[in-house]
Amino acid sequence: TLDIAKDIAEGVSKHCPGLGTDITWAFYLERHGWLTASPIIDTTKQIHGNKQ
């Protein structure tokens, strides 16, 4: 469980849309107990209809 508090772990799906499906998220548990999340952009995928 990576020592993440249950209430924080349960809130992740609420505050990180697309987690586990469309979007990859990077997480960092900082020393004060705040969990920071950032979406990782896949630049190889098509964005807003633009072909790459």
PDB file of N, CA and C in Angstrom:
ATOM      1  N   THR A   1       0.807  -1.213   0.000  1.00  0.00           N
ATOM      2  CA  THR A   1       0.000   0.000   0.000  1.00  0.00           C
ATOM      3  C   THR A   1       0.842   1.265   0.000  1.00  0.00           C
ATOM      4  N   LEU A   2       2.107   1.216  -0.051  1.00  0.00           N
ATOM      5  CA  LEU A   2       3.002   2.370  -0.126  1.00  0.00           C
ATOM      6  C   LEU A   2       2.845   3.347   1.031  1.00  0.00           C
ATOM      7  N   ASP A   3       2.217   2.928   2.122  1.00  0.00           N
ATOM      8  CA  ASP A   3       2.005   3.776   3.303  1.00  0.00           C
ATOM      9  C   ASP A   3       1.214   5.040   3.018  1.00  0.00           C
ATOM     10  N   ILE A   4       0.284   4.985   2.094  1.00  0.00           N
ATOM     11  CA  ILE A   4      -0.605   6.109   1.806  1.00  0.00           C
ATOM     12  C   ILE A   4      -1.840   5.957   2.686  1.00  0.00           C
ATOM     13  N   ALA A   5      -2.227   7.045   3.369  1.00  0.00           N
ATOM     14  CA  ALA A   5      -3.419   7.008   4.220  1.00  0.00           C
ATOM     15  C   ALA A   5      -4.650   6.652   3.382  1.00  0.00           C
ATOM     16  N   LYS A   6      -5.567   5.891   3.980  1.00  0.00           N
ATOM     17  CA  LYS A   6      -6.737   5.403   3.260  1.00  0.00           C
ATOM     18  C   LYS A   6      -7.562   6.547   2.664  1.00  0.00           C
ATOM     19  N   ASP A   7      -7.761   7.631   3.408  1.00  0.00           N
ATOM     20  CA  ASP A   7      -8.571   8.735   2.891  1.00  0.00           C
ATOM     21  C   ASP A   7      -7.919   9.404   1.681  1.00  0.00           C
ATOM     22  N   ILE A   8      -6.593   9.472   1.683  1.00  0.00           N
ATOM     23  CA  ILE A   8      -5.884  10.034   0.527  1.00  0.00           C
ATOM     24  C   ILE A   8      -6.016   9.094  -0.667  1.00  0.00           C
ATOM     25  N   ALA A   9      -5.805   7.815  -0.448  1.00  0.00           N
ATOM     26  CA  ALA A   9      -5.899   6.836  -1.535  1.00  0.00           C
ATOM     27  C   ALA A   9      -7.294   6.821  -2.149  1.00  0.00           C
ATOM     28  N   GLU A  10      -8.324   6.949  -1.326  1.00  0.00           N
ATOM     29  CA  GLU A  10      -9.692   6.949  -1.838  1.00  0.00           C
ATOM     30  C   GLU A  10      -9.997   8.226  -2.621  1.00  0.00           C
ATOM     31  N   GLY A  11      -9.369   9.333  -2.258  1.00  0.00           N
ATOM     32  CA  GLY A  11      -9.600  10.595  -2.945  1.00  0.00           C
ATOM     33  C   GLY A  11      -8.919  10.705  -4.292  1.00  0.00           C
ATOM     34  N   VAL A  12      -7.946   9.852  -4.533  1.00  0.00           N
ATOM     35  CA  VAL A  12      -7.185   9.918  -5.784  1.00  0.00           C
ATOM     36  C   VAL A  12      -8.095   9.755  -6.996  1.00  0.00           C
ATOM     37  N   SER A  13      -8.973   8.785  -6.982  1.00  0.00           N
ATOM     38  CA  SER A  13      -9.836   8.568  -8.150  1.00  0.00           C
ATOM     39  C   SER A  13     -10.792   9.732  -8.368  1.00  0.00           C
ATOM     40  N   LYS A  14     -11.147  10.427  -7.303  1.00  0.00           N
ATOM     41  CA  LYS A  14     -12.038  11.587  -7.408  1.00  0.00           C
ATOM     42  C   LYS A  14     -11.322  12.789  -8.023  1.00  0.00           C
ATOM     43  N   HIS A  15     -10.069  12.981  -7.676  1.00  0.00           N
ATOM     44  CA  HIS A  15      -9.336  14.171  -8.084  1.00  0.00           C
ATOM     45  C   HIS A  15      -8.400  13.961  -9.273  1.00  0.00           C
ATOM     46  N   CYS A  16      -8.263  12.728  -9.735  1.00  0.00           N
ATOM     47  CA  CYS A  16      -7.379  12.428 -10.872  1.00  0.00           C
ATOM     48  C   CYS A  16      -8.183  11.727 -11.961  1.00  0.00           C
ATOM     49  N   PRO A  17      -8.954  12.497 -12.744  1.00  0.00           N
ATOM     50  CA  PRO A  17      -9.786  11.873 -13.777  1.00  0.00           C
ATOM     51  C   PRO A  17      -8.944  11.118 -14.800  1.00  0.00           C
ATOM     52  N   GLY A  18      -9.468   9.989 -15.231  1.00  0.00           N
ATOM     53  CA  GLY A  18      -8.767   9.197 -16.239  1.00  0.00           C
ATOM     54  C   GLY A  18      -7.715   8.264 -15.672  1.00  0.00           C
ATOM     55  N   LEU A  19      -7.528   8.288 -14.351  1.00  0.00           N
ATOM     56  CA  LEU A  19      -6.516   7.437 -13.721  1.00  0.00           C
ATOM     57  C   LEU A  19      -6.803   5.966 -14.012  1.00  0.00           C
ATOM     58  N   GLY A  20      -5.812   5.285 -14.537  1.00  0.00           N
ATOM     59  CA  GLY A  20      -5.952   3.863 -14.827  1.00  0.00           C
ATOM     60  C   GLY A  20      -6.637   3.557 -16.144  1.00  0.00           C
ATOM     61  N   THR A  21      -7.048   4.598 -16.860  1.00  0.00           N
ATOM     62  CA  THR A  21      -7.698   4.364 -18.150  1.00  0.00           C
ATOM     63  C   THR A  21      -7.013   5.180 -19.240  1.00  0.00           C
ATOM     64  N   ASP A  22      -7.306   6.473 -19.292  1.00  0.00           N
ATOM     65  CA  ASP A  22      -6.815   7.316 -20.381  1.00  0.00           C
ATOM     66  C   ASP A  22      -5.540   8.073 -20.060  1.00  0.00           C
ATOM     67  N   ILE A  23      -5.343   8.410 -18.798  1.00  0.00           N
ATOM     68  CA  ILE A  23      -4.253   9.306 -18.415  1.00  0.00           C
ATOM     69  C   ILE A  23      -3.330   8.618 -17.418  1.00  0.00           C
ATOM     70  N   THR A  24      -2.034   8.769 -17.621  1.00  0.00           N
ATOM     71  CA  THR A  24      -1.042   8.287 -16.659  1.00  0.00           C
ATOM     72  C   THR A  24      -0.724   9.435 -15.711  1.00  0.00           C
ATOM     73  N   TRP A  25      -0.700   9.133 -14.430  1.00  0.00           N
ATOM     74  CA  TRP A  25      -0.420  10.145 -13.410  1.00  0.00           C
ATOM     75  C   TRP A  25       0.859   9.787 -12.663  1.00  0.00           C
ATOM     76  N   ALA A  26       1.638  10.800 -12.310  1.00  0.00           N
ATOM     77  CA  ALA A  26       2.825  10.624 -11.466  1.00  0.00           C
ATOM     78  C   ALA A  26       2.464  11.134 -10.071  1.00  0.00           C
ATOM     79  N   PHE A  27       2.817  10.367  -9.042  1.00  0.00           N
ATOM     80  CA  PHE A  27       2.482  10.736  -7.666  1.00  0.00           C
ATOM     81  C   PHE A  27       3.745  10.914  -6.843  1.00  0.00           C
ATOM     82  N   TYR A  28       3.661  11.853  -5.926  1.00  0.00           N
ATOM     83  CA  TYR A  28       4.774  12.127  -5.015  1.00  0.00           C
ATOM     84  C   TYR A  28       4.192  12.431  -3.643  1.00  0.00           C
ATOM     85  N   LEU A  29       4.560  11.643  -2.642  1.00  0.00           N
ATOM     86  CA  LEU A  29       4.134  11.892  -1.268  1.00  0.00           C
ATOM     87  C   LEU A  29       5.229  12.700  -0.601  1.00  0.00           C
ATOM     88  N   GLU A  30       4.955  13.982  -0.377  1.00  0.00           N
ATOM     89  CA  GLU A  30       5.993  14.843   0.182  1.00  0.00           C
ATOM     90  C   GLU A  30       6.066  14.702   1.698  1.00  0.00           C
ATOM     91  N   ARG A  31       7.075  15.247   2.274  1.00  0.00           N
ATOM     92  CA  ARG A  31       7.398  14.991   3.680  1.00  0.00           C
ATOM     93  C   ARG A  31       6.352  15.473   4.669  1.00  0.00           C
ATOM     94  N   HIS A  32       5.477  16.385   4.272  1.00  0.00           N
ATOM     95  CA  HIS A  32       4.433  16.860   5.175  1.00  0.00           C
ATOM     96  C   HIS A  32       3.148  16.048   5.041  1.00  0.00           C
ATOM     97  N   GLY A  33       3.183  15.033   4.200  1.00  0.00           N
ATOM     98  CA  GLY A  33       2.035  14.156   4.042  1.00  0.00           C
ATOM     99  C   GLY A  33       1.097  14.515   2.905  1.00  0.00           C
ATOM    100  N   TRP A  34       1.418  15.551   2.164  1.00  0.00           N
ATOM    101  CA  TRP A  34       0.604  15.920   1.017  1.00  0.00           C
ATOM    102  C   TRP A  34       0.945  15.011  -0.162  1.00  0.00           C
ATOM    103  N   LEU A  35      -0.078  14.520  -0.821  1.00  0.00           N
ATOM    104  CA  LEU A  35       0.121  13.717  -2.025  1.00  0.00           C
ATOM    105  C   LEU A  35      -0.034  14.636  -3.227  1.00  0.00           C
ATOM    106  N   THR A  36       1.010  14.747  -4.015  1.00  0.00           N
ATOM    107  CA  THR A  36       1.003  15.587  -5.206  1.00  0.00           C
ATOM    108  C   THR A  36       0.865  14.690  -6.426  1.00  0.00           C
ATOM    109  N   ALA A  37      -0.007  15.084  -7.339  1.00  0.00           N
ATOM    110  CA  ALA A  37      -0.227  14.297  -8.550  1.00  0.00           C
ATOM    111  C   ALA A  37      -0.119  15.197  -9.766  1.00  0.00           C
ATOM    112  N   SER A  38       0.518  14.683 -10.798  1.00  0.00           N
ATOM    113  CA  SER A  38       0.652  15.415 -12.060  1.00  0.00           C
ATOM    114  C   SER A  38       0.359  14.466 -13.213  1.00  0.00           C
ATOM    115  N   PRO A  39      -0.497  14.887 -14.144  1.00  0.00           N
ATOM    116  CA  PRO A  39      -0.730  14.043 -15.314  1.00  0.00           C
ATOM    117  C   PRO A  39       0.505  14.039 -16.205  1.00  0.00           C
ATOM    118  N   ILE A  40       0.761  12.894 -16.818  1.00  0.00           N
ATOM    119  CA  ILE A  40       1.886  12.763 -17.741  1.00  0.00           C
ATOM    120  C   ILE A  40       1.319  12.772 -19.151  1.00  0.00           C
ATOM    121  N   ILE A  41       1.771  13.718 -19.936  1.00  0.00           N
ATOM    122  CA  ILE A  41       1.271  13.865 -21.299  1.00  0.00           C
ATOM    123  C   ILE A  41       2.027  12.917 -22.228  1.00  0.00           C
ATOM    124  N   ASP A  42       1.275  12.122 -22.978  1.00  0.00           N
ATOM    125  CA  ASP A  42       1.864  11.234 -23.974  1.00  0.00           C
ATOM    126  C   ASP A  42       1.889  11.986 -25.303  1.00  0.00           C
ATOM    127  N   THR A  43       3.043  12.476 -25.677  1.00  0.00           N
ATOM    128  CA  THR A  43       3.165  13.288 -26.888  1.00  0.00           C
ATOM    129  C   THR A  43       3.094  12.463 -28.167  1.00  0.00           C
ATOM    130  N   THR A  44       3.039  11.144 -28.049  1.00  0.00           N
ATOM    131  CA  THR A  44       2.942  10.308 -29.247  1.00  0.00           C
ATOM    132  C   THR A  44       1.492  10.098 -29.665  1.00  0.00           C
ATOM    133  N   LYS A  45       0.537  10.491 -28.810  1.00  0.00           N
ATOM    134  CA  LYS A  45      -0.878  10.328 -29.134  1.00  0.00           C
ATOM    135  C   LYS A  45      -1.404  11.574 -29.830  1.00  0.00           C
ATOM    136  N   GLN A  46      -2.499  11.379 -30.537  1.00  0.00           N
ATOM    137  CA  GLN A  46      -3.138  12.475 -31.240  1.00  0.00           C
ATOM    138  C   GLN A  46      -3.794  13.406 -30.221  1.00  0.00           C
ATOM    139  N   ILE A  47      -3.545  14.713 -30.345  1.00  0.00           N
ATOM    140  CA  ILE A  47      -4.087  15.696 -29.414  1.00  0.00           C
ATOM    141  C   ILE A  47      -5.011  16.648 -30.174  1.00  0.00           C
ATOM    142  N   HIS A  48      -6.252  16.774 -29.718  1.00  0.00           N
ATOM    143  CA  HIS A  48      -7.225  17.724 -30.267  1.00  0.00           C
ATOM    144  C   HIS A  48      -7.362  17.611 -31.782  1.00  0.00           C
ATOM    145  N   GLY A  49      -7.326  16.419 -32.300  1.00  0.00           N
ATOM    146  CA  GLY A  49      -7.528  16.212 -33.723  1.00  0.00           C
ATOM    147  C   GLY A  49      -6.315  16.484 -34.598  1.00  0.00           C
ATOM    148  N   ASN A  50      -5.213  16.900 -34.015  1.00  0.00           N
ATOM    149  CA  ASN A  50      -3.997  17.147 -34.796  1.00  0.00           C
ATOM    150  C   ASN A  50      -3.269  15.838 -35.027  1.00  0.00           C
ATOM    151  N   LYS A  51      -2.916  15.565 -36.251  1.00  0.00           N
ATOM    152  CA  LYS A  51      -2.188  14.336 -36.554  1.00  0.00           C
ATOM    153  C   LYS A  51      -0.711  14.561 -36.318  1.00  0.00           C
ATOM    154  N   GLN A  52      -0.076  13.561 -35.717  1.00  0.00           N
ATOM    155  CA  GLN A  52       1.367  13.654 -35.457  1.00  0.00           C
ATOM    156  C   GLN A  52       2.080  12.547 -36.174  1.00  0.00           C
TER     157      GLN A  52
END
